[in-house]
Structures are given as C-alpha cells and as structure tokens.
Amino acid sequence: MTDIFQEVDQSLREESVASLWKRWQWVVYGLIAAIVIGVAGFEIWRGMREGEIDKSAVIYDAGFSARENNDLAAARANFAQLETDKTGFKALSGHMLAGVEKDLTNDMTAVEAHLASAAASDTGVMGDLATLKLAYAKADAATLADLEKILKPLLDRTGPSTAMAKELIGAKALAEGDVERARTEFEALALDLEAPRGVQARVQQALATLPARKVNLDAPSVPVATTPAPVTPAPTTPAPAAPAPAAPAQANQ
C-alpha cells in the first residue's frame, strides 16, 4: 500500500510540474531569448567599440610619428581626424594639435581653441592638464579674474593639478602688484602636503624674495580684554580684648 501511495504522490507532482511548465514555458523561453540577445548584442557592441579604438589608435600613431619626423602638416591632418573621436583619443589629439599649431603657425587663438576642446572632452588628468596649459597660454594677457575663471574647475578641488593652478594664481597676483594675495597663496602651498615637490620648492623661493609684511603702525590698537584677578580677602586680625576693669580698692578700715 505504501508503494501505491508513493506512486500516486509522484504522479501528482509530475502533473503539477507539467501544468506549471505549460503555463510558464513561453515566459521562460522569452527570458532565455532576452539573455541570449543581450549577451550577443553586448559582444557585437564590444567588437565594434574595439574596432573604433583600434582605428583611432592607428590614426593617432600616424600623427605622432609625423610629429616626431617634424612633418607638422601631416601631423595636424592626422590629429584633426580625432577631434570628434568618442573613444578617448579626443583629449590626446587636442593636446597634440595645440603643440603642432604652436610650432606650425604660432596662432595662439587656434592653440587655445584646441586646449579648450581637450579640457572639455575629459574630466580626468588629461582634461586637468589641458586646463592648466590653457591658463598658462592666456596668463600674460589675461587678468587675475580671468585666470580664476579658467582655473575654477581645479581651484574647487584638491590635488597636484590644484596646487599648480594656485601657484599660477599667486604668480599672477604678484605680477599685478598684489603682494599679500601672492603671499597668501604661496604660504598655503608651502604647507600643502598634496602639492608636488617642485611647486613647494618654487613657492619657498618666491616667499624668500617677497618684501616683509607691512605693519600699519597708525592703526588704532585694540585693547586686550583682561579679566580682573579675584580679590582675596585679607585675613582678619582679631581685635585685642578690652582690659578687664580693675577691682575697686577697698577702703581702709
């Protein structure tokens, strides 16, 4: 009898599984198909992406080789093909185009445009370096306020690039005669543990050449508030006791 019950239970379980499968089989097939299509699509996209990167790398390498061989026109033509690149070579090509344009035409407007494009296309180190190079390219003609606007993305952060940006701000302030602003920037950099050693060495030298800080002797002195010391009461000396009244002399008998 036990065997019969087990067979019946087994049959019921099989029928339940079969009914569930009939009900949900197309959902399962759909999920499997979606996974297969997704994986296949990703592999196709990755293959296309790798193909684009390889193509951009070949163009960049050709431009770099032309630059090394001093064929500036060919270098510019190759790097210019990467100005709309979306694989990461745009920032690199912007740096290279700025250098090629400087040597080929010395057109600072074009140089600054390439650096601005490189800075806008990357939020990492390459973008930071492009921002710094753009600020240095404009430093002579720009005002301190102009430089602060260009370098704002770096000044709002911390790190080596920020230290170099603050060094440039201090140098520009000094060039405009704002010695105290320059001193403030340089003193902060001298204590900045994240500043590169070269920056720290330069600001130390700059601080050594600055005139002594001016002290305004005509400024009204600010009284220093003092707290009066608590008065300790003097020890009281007991008053001398009054002499006892003398006993009256007895009358002579």
Protein backbone atom coordinates (compact mmCIF):
# COMPACT_ATOMS: atom_id res chain seq x y z
CA MET A 1 0.00 0.00 0.00
CA THR A 2 2.81 2.37 0.79
CA ASP A 3 4.24 1.93 -2.68
CA ILE A 4 0.89 2.76 -4.25
CA PHE A 5 0.62 5.99 -2.25
CA GLN A 6 4.15 6.97 -3.26
CA GLU A 7 3.34 6.34 -6.94
CA VAL A 8 0.18 8.43 -6.67
CA ASP A 9 2.09 11.28 -4.99
CA GLN A 10 4.77 11.10 -7.65
CA SER A 11 2.14 11.24 -10.40
CA LEU A 12 0.52 14.26 -8.82
CA ARG A 13 3.87 16.07 -8.57
CA GLU A 14 4.63 15.31 -12.21
CA GLU A 15 1.23 16.57 -13.31
CA SER A 16 1.70 19.77 -11.27
CA VAL A 17 5.11 20.40 -12.79
CA ALA A 18 3.73 19.67 -16.27
CA SER A 19 0.84 22.10 -15.81
CA LEU A 20 3.15 24.80 -14.50
CA TRP A 21 5.52 24.28 -17.42
CA LYS A 22 2.67 24.56 -19.92
CA ARG A 23 1.57 27.78 -18.30
CA TRP A 24 5.00 29.48 -17.99
CA GLN A 25 7.11 27.87 -20.69
CA TRP A 26 6.84 30.84 -23.07
CA VAL A 27 7.88 33.22 -20.31
CA VAL A 28 10.94 31.08 -19.65
CA TYR A 29 11.71 30.89 -23.36
CA GLY A 30 11.36 34.68 -23.57
CA LEU A 31 13.75 35.25 -20.69
CA ILE A 32 16.30 32.91 -22.20
CA ALA A 33 15.97 34.60 -25.58
CA ALA A 34 16.38 38.04 -23.98
CA ILE A 35 19.53 36.92 -22.19
CA VAL A 36 20.99 35.42 -25.34
CA ILE A 37 20.15 38.52 -27.40
CA GLY A 38 21.57 40.80 -24.69
CA VAL A 39 24.83 38.89 -24.50
CA ALA A 40 25.10 38.76 -28.26
CA GLY A 41 24.35 42.47 -28.54
CA PHE A 42 26.96 43.32 -25.93
CA GLU A 43 29.57 41.23 -27.72
CA ILE A 44 28.73 42.93 -31.02
CA TRP A 45 28.93 46.37 -29.37
CA ARG A 46 32.22 45.49 -27.71
CA GLY A 47 33.61 44.27 -31.01
CA MET A 48 32.56 47.49 -32.74
CA ARG A 49 33.99 49.54 -29.86
CA GLU A 50 37.30 47.72 -30.05
CA GLY A 51 37.34 48.25 -33.80
CA GLU A 52 36.79 52.00 -33.35
CA ILE A 53 39.53 52.19 -30.74
CA ASP A 54 41.94 50.32 -33.00
CA LYS A 55 41.14 52.66 -35.88
CA SER A 56 41.63 55.77 -33.73
CA ALA A 57 44.87 54.36 -32.35
CA VAL A 58 46.24 53.88 -35.86
CA ILE A 59 45.38 57.48 -36.78
CA TYR A 60 46.92 58.82 -33.56
CA ASP A 61 50.06 56.75 -34.09
CA ALA A 62 50.40 58.12 -37.63
CA GLY A 63 50.06 61.67 -36.35
CA PHE A 64 52.55 61.05 -33.56
CA SER A 65 55.10 59.58 -35.99
CA ALA A 66 54.67 62.55 -38.31
CA ARG A 67 55.21 64.89 -35.35
CA GLU A 68 58.38 63.06 -34.41
CA ASN A 69 59.62 63.38 -38.00
CA ASN A 70 58.82 67.12 -37.92
CA ASP A 71 56.18 66.72 -40.63
CA LEU A 72 53.86 69.17 -38.92
CA ALA A 73 51.32 69.41 -41.73
CA ALA A 74 50.80 65.64 -41.79
CA ALA A 75 50.66 65.53 -38.02
CA ARG A 76 47.95 68.20 -37.93
CA ALA A 77 45.95 66.40 -40.61
CA ASN A 78 46.01 63.12 -38.67
CA PHE A 79 45.24 64.62 -35.27
CA ALA A 80 42.42 66.69 -36.76
CA GLN A 81 40.62 63.45 -37.70
CA LEU A 82 40.26 62.69 -33.99
CA GLU A 83 38.61 65.97 -32.99
CA THR A 84 35.21 64.23 -32.97
CA ASP A 85 36.51 60.92 -31.65
CA LYS A 86 34.48 59.23 -28.90
CA THR A 87 36.95 56.55 -27.80
CA GLY A 88 39.21 58.68 -25.60
CA PHE A 89 41.67 59.98 -28.19
CA LYS A 90 39.97 63.38 -28.49
CA ALA A 91 41.70 64.84 -25.42
CA LEU A 92 45.06 63.44 -26.51
CA SER A 93 44.67 64.80 -30.02
CA GLY A 94 43.70 68.21 -28.59
CA HIS A 95 46.98 68.38 -26.68
CA MET A 96 48.94 67.33 -29.74
CA LEU A 97 47.11 69.73 -32.07
CA ALA A 98 47.86 72.63 -29.73
CA GLY A 99 51.58 71.85 -29.85
CA VAL A 100 51.62 71.32 -33.61
CA GLU A 101 49.68 74.55 -34.21
CA LYS A 102 52.08 76.47 -31.98
CA ASP A 103 55.10 75.23 -33.96
CA LEU A 104 53.46 75.43 -37.37
CA THR A 105 51.60 78.76 -37.31
CA ASN A 106 52.08 80.24 -33.81
CA ASP A 107 48.36 81.07 -33.96
CA MET A 108 47.57 81.35 -30.26
CA THR A 109 43.84 81.59 -30.93
CA ALA A 110 43.93 78.16 -32.58
CA VAL A 111 46.20 76.80 -29.85
CA GLU A 112 43.82 77.95 -27.12
CA ALA A 113 40.82 76.53 -29.01
CA HIS A 114 42.44 73.08 -29.15
CA LEU A 115 43.30 73.19 -25.45
CA ALA A 116 39.78 74.30 -24.54
CA SER A 117 38.37 71.41 -26.58
CA ALA A 118 40.68 68.92 -24.84
CA ALA A 119 39.73 70.29 -21.42
CA ALA A 120 36.02 69.98 -22.18
CA SER A 121 36.31 66.42 -23.50
CA ASP A 122 37.91 64.84 -20.44
CA THR A 123 37.21 65.04 -16.71
CA GLY A 124 40.42 63.29 -15.67
CA VAL A 125 44.11 64.07 -15.73
CA MET A 126 44.22 64.91 -19.44
CA GLY A 127 41.43 67.45 -19.01
CA ASP A 128 43.12 69.00 -15.97
CA LEU A 129 46.40 69.35 -17.84
CA ALA A 130 44.62 70.95 -20.78
CA THR A 131 43.01 73.48 -18.40
CA LEU A 132 46.40 74.31 -16.89
CA LYS A 133 48.03 74.70 -20.30
CA LEU A 134 45.17 76.93 -21.43
CA ALA A 135 45.60 79.14 -18.36
CA TYR A 136 49.36 79.40 -18.91
CA ALA A 137 48.79 80.27 -22.58
CA LYS A 138 46.48 83.13 -21.56
CA ALA A 139 48.42 84.22 -18.45
CA ASP A 140 50.26 87.18 -19.97
CA ALA A 141 47.22 88.90 -21.46
CA ALA A 142 44.53 87.75 -19.02
CA THR A 143 43.68 89.41 -15.73
CA LEU A 144 43.76 87.65 -12.40
CA ALA A 145 39.97 87.39 -12.51
CA ASP A 146 40.15 85.81 -15.98
CA LEU A 147 42.62 83.18 -14.78
CA GLU A 148 40.50 82.40 -11.74
CA LYS A 149 37.54 81.79 -14.05
CA ILE A 150 39.54 79.46 -16.32
CA LEU A 151 41.04 77.54 -13.40
CA LYS A 152 37.85 77.35 -11.32
CA PRO A 153 37.31 73.61 -12.03
CA LEU A 154 40.73 72.95 -10.49
CA LEU A 155 40.54 75.52 -7.68
CA ASP A 156 37.36 73.90 -6.38
CA ARG A 157 39.21 70.62 -5.77
CA THR A 158 42.42 69.41 -4.17
CA GLY A 159 45.40 67.60 -5.61
CA PRO A 160 48.55 68.18 -7.66
CA SER A 161 46.73 69.98 -10.50
CA THR A 162 45.04 72.27 -7.99
CA ALA A 163 48.41 73.13 -6.43
CA MET A 164 49.80 74.12 -9.82
CA ALA A 165 46.70 76.21 -10.51
CA LYS A 166 47.12 78.05 -7.18
CA GLU A 167 50.79 78.63 -7.94
CA LEU A 168 49.80 80.33 -11.21
CA ILE A 169 47.21 82.43 -9.37
CA GLY A 170 49.86 83.53 -6.88
CA ALA A 171 52.32 84.38 -9.64
CA LYS A 172 49.68 86.43 -11.49
CA ALA A 173 48.73 88.26 -8.29
CA LEU A 174 52.40 89.11 -7.75
CA ALA A 175 52.71 90.33 -11.35
CA GLU A 176 49.73 92.65 -10.77
CA GLY A 177 51.33 94.01 -7.59
CA ASP A 178 49.10 92.22 -5.11
CA VAL A 179 51.92 91.03 -2.88
CA GLU A 180 49.71 89.99 0.02
CA ARG A 181 47.48 87.83 -2.20
CA ALA A 182 50.59 86.19 -3.63
CA ARG A 183 52.00 85.67 -0.14
CA THR A 184 48.75 84.05 0.99
CA GLU A 185 48.70 81.63 -1.94
CA PHE A 186 52.38 80.72 -1.60
CA GLU A 187 52.22 80.22 2.17
CA ALA A 188 49.24 77.89 1.79
CA LEU A 189 51.06 75.89 -0.89
CA ALA A 190 54.16 75.61 1.26
CA LEU A 191 52.05 73.75 3.83
CA ASP A 192 50.04 71.71 1.31
CA LEU A 193 51.07 68.06 1.65
CA GLU A 194 49.47 67.22 -1.72
CA ALA A 195 51.47 69.85 -3.62
CA PRO A 196 54.23 68.44 -5.85
CA ARG A 197 57.75 68.95 -4.55
CA GLY A 198 58.60 71.20 -7.47
CA VAL A 199 55.72 73.51 -6.59
CA GLN A 200 56.74 73.62 -2.93
CA ALA A 201 60.34 74.41 -3.84
CA ARG A 202 59.30 77.25 -6.15
CA VAL A 203 56.90 78.84 -3.67
CA GLN A 204 59.55 78.68 -0.93
CA GLN A 205 61.94 80.56 -3.22
CA ALA A 206 59.22 83.06 -4.07
CA LEU A 207 58.40 83.65 -0.41
CA ALA A 208 62.06 84.32 0.32
CA THR A 209 62.09 87.15 -2.25
CA LEU A 210 58.89 88.87 -1.12
CA PRO A 211 59.21 92.09 0.89
CA ALA A 212 58.48 91.89 4.57
CA ARG A 213 54.84 92.06 5.51
CA LYS A 214 53.83 95.65 6.23
CA VAL A 215 52.66 96.56 9.68
CA ASN A 216 50.37 99.58 9.95
CA LEU A 217 51.65 101.47 12.98
CA ASP A 218 48.88 104.06 12.64
CA ALA A 219 46.13 101.54 13.12
CA PRO A 220 44.35 102.02 16.43
CA SER A 221 45.37 99.44 18.92
CA VAL A 222 42.69 97.11 20.06
CA PRO A 223 42.58 96.92 23.84
CA VAL A 224 43.01 93.46 25.13
CA ALA A 225 40.22 92.49 27.41
CA THR A 226 41.59 91.40 30.74
CA THR A 227 39.76 89.55 33.43
CA PRO A 228 40.37 91.10 36.84
CA ALA A 229 42.02 88.75 39.24
CA PRO A 230 39.74 87.71 42.06
CA VAL A 231 40.35 89.69 45.20
CA THR A 232 41.42 87.50 48.05
CA PRO A 233 40.13 88.91 51.32
CA ALA A 234 42.90 89.77 53.77
CA PRO A 235 42.98 87.61 56.85
CA THR A 236 41.18 89.33 59.68
CA THR A 237 43.20 90.04 62.85
CA PRO A 238 41.11 89.63 65.96
CA ALA A 239 40.70 92.85 67.87
CA PRO A 240 42.63 92.98 71.16
CA ALA A 241 40.50 92.11 74.12
CA ALA A 242 39.48 95.04 76.30
CA PRO A 243 41.31 95.06 79.63
CA ALA A 244 39.26 93.76 82.49
CA PRO A 245 38.03 96.55 84.80
CA ALA A 246 40.22 96.95 87.86
CA ALA A 247 38.72 95.82 91.10
CA PRO A 248 37.85 98.79 93.32
CA ALA A 249 40.32 99.45 96.10
CA GLN A 250 38.99 98.51 99.47
CA ALA A 251 38.51 101.36 101.87
CA ASN A 252 40.95 101.49 104.75
CA GLN A 253 39.40 100.04 107.72
